[in-house]
């Protein structure tokens, strides 16, 4: 059985942008760190796409946050 969790993509887009700019990272730097294109990161930040679970995990590791935080399931 597949369980689909509620994901607020607007929160994800906002938090990704905020974390990236707080760390002073460019779109290209984030893309290189997680193994995707600059355009993919931009699409996530513009709320036009959502990452795979693998990329989500890599983004969470890069920024030192949980995947739940990125997806807006927690504010911690």
Protein backbone atom coordinates (compact mmCIF):
# COMPACT_ATOMS: atom_id res chain seq x y z
CA UNK A 1 0.00 0.00 0.00
CA UNK A 2 1.34 3.42 -0.96
CA UNK A 3 0.76 6.25 1.48
CA UNK A 4 0.80 9.75 0.04
CA UNK A 5 1.79 12.44 2.51
CA UNK A 6 0.50 15.97 2.23
CA UNK A 7 3.23 18.14 0.73
CA UNK A 8 2.93 21.89 0.54
CA UNK A 9 5.00 22.73 -2.52
CA UNK A 10 4.73 26.48 -1.92
CA UNK A 11 6.43 26.03 1.43
CA UNK A 12 9.07 23.79 -0.14
CA UNK A 13 9.84 26.39 -2.83
CA UNK A 14 10.07 29.19 -0.26
CA UNK A 15 12.23 27.24 2.17
CA UNK A 16 14.60 26.04 -0.52
CA UNK A 17 15.11 29.62 -1.72
CA UNK A 18 15.57 30.93 1.82
CA UNK A 19 18.07 28.23 2.78
CA UNK A 20 20.06 28.72 -0.42
CA UNK A 21 20.27 32.50 -0.06
CA UNK A 22 21.03 32.33 3.69
CA UNK A 23 24.01 30.13 2.89
CA UNK A 24 25.06 32.41 0.04
CA UNK A 25 24.86 29.62 -2.52
CA UNK A 26 24.09 30.07 -6.19
CA UNK A 27 21.62 27.91 -8.08
CA UNK A 28 24.60 26.32 -9.81
CA UNK A 29 26.36 25.53 -6.53
CA UNK A 30 23.28 23.79 -5.13
CA UNK A 31 22.75 21.91 -8.38
CA UNK A 32 26.35 20.69 -8.44
CA UNK A 33 26.22 19.63 -4.78
CA UNK A 34 23.17 17.41 -5.28
CA UNK A 35 23.86 16.24 -8.84
CA UNK A 36 21.12 18.01 -10.81
CA UNK A 37 20.93 20.91 -13.23
CA UNK A 38 20.74 24.59 -12.31
CA UNK A 39 17.42 24.70 -14.13
CA UNK A 40 16.01 21.97 -11.89
CA UNK A 41 16.84 23.95 -8.76
CA UNK A 42 15.24 27.04 -10.30
CA UNK A 43 12.10 25.07 -11.15
CA UNK A 44 11.87 23.85 -7.53
CA UNK A 45 12.23 27.41 -6.23
CA UNK A 46 9.63 28.68 -8.69
CA UNK A 47 7.22 25.92 -7.61
CA UNK A 48 7.11 24.42 -11.10
CA UNK A 49 8.51 21.03 -10.16
CA UNK A 50 9.17 18.83 -7.16
CA UNK A 51 12.26 16.75 -6.47
CA UNK A 52 12.51 13.00 -6.23
CA UNK A 53 12.95 11.56 -2.74
CA UNK A 54 16.64 11.02 -3.50
CA UNK A 55 17.19 14.67 -4.42
CA UNK A 56 15.05 15.84 -1.50
CA UNK A 57 17.30 13.87 0.86
CA UNK A 58 20.40 15.37 -0.71
CA UNK A 59 18.99 18.89 -0.37
CA UNK A 60 18.12 18.27 3.29
CA UNK A 61 21.66 17.00 3.94
CA UNK A 62 23.20 19.96 2.13
CA UNK A 63 21.30 22.46 4.25
CA UNK A 64 21.37 20.49 7.51
CA UNK A 65 17.59 20.25 7.82
CA UNK A 66 15.05 17.44 7.72
CA UNK A 67 13.03 16.51 4.68
CA UNK A 68 9.93 17.21 6.79
CA UNK A 69 11.15 20.78 7.29
CA UNK A 70 11.71 21.26 3.56
CA UNK A 71 8.23 19.96 2.75
CA UNK A 72 6.54 22.05 5.43
CA UNK A 73 5.49 19.19 7.65
CA UNK A 74 7.37 20.74 10.59
CA UNK A 75 8.86 24.11 11.43
CA UNK A 76 11.79 22.58 13.29
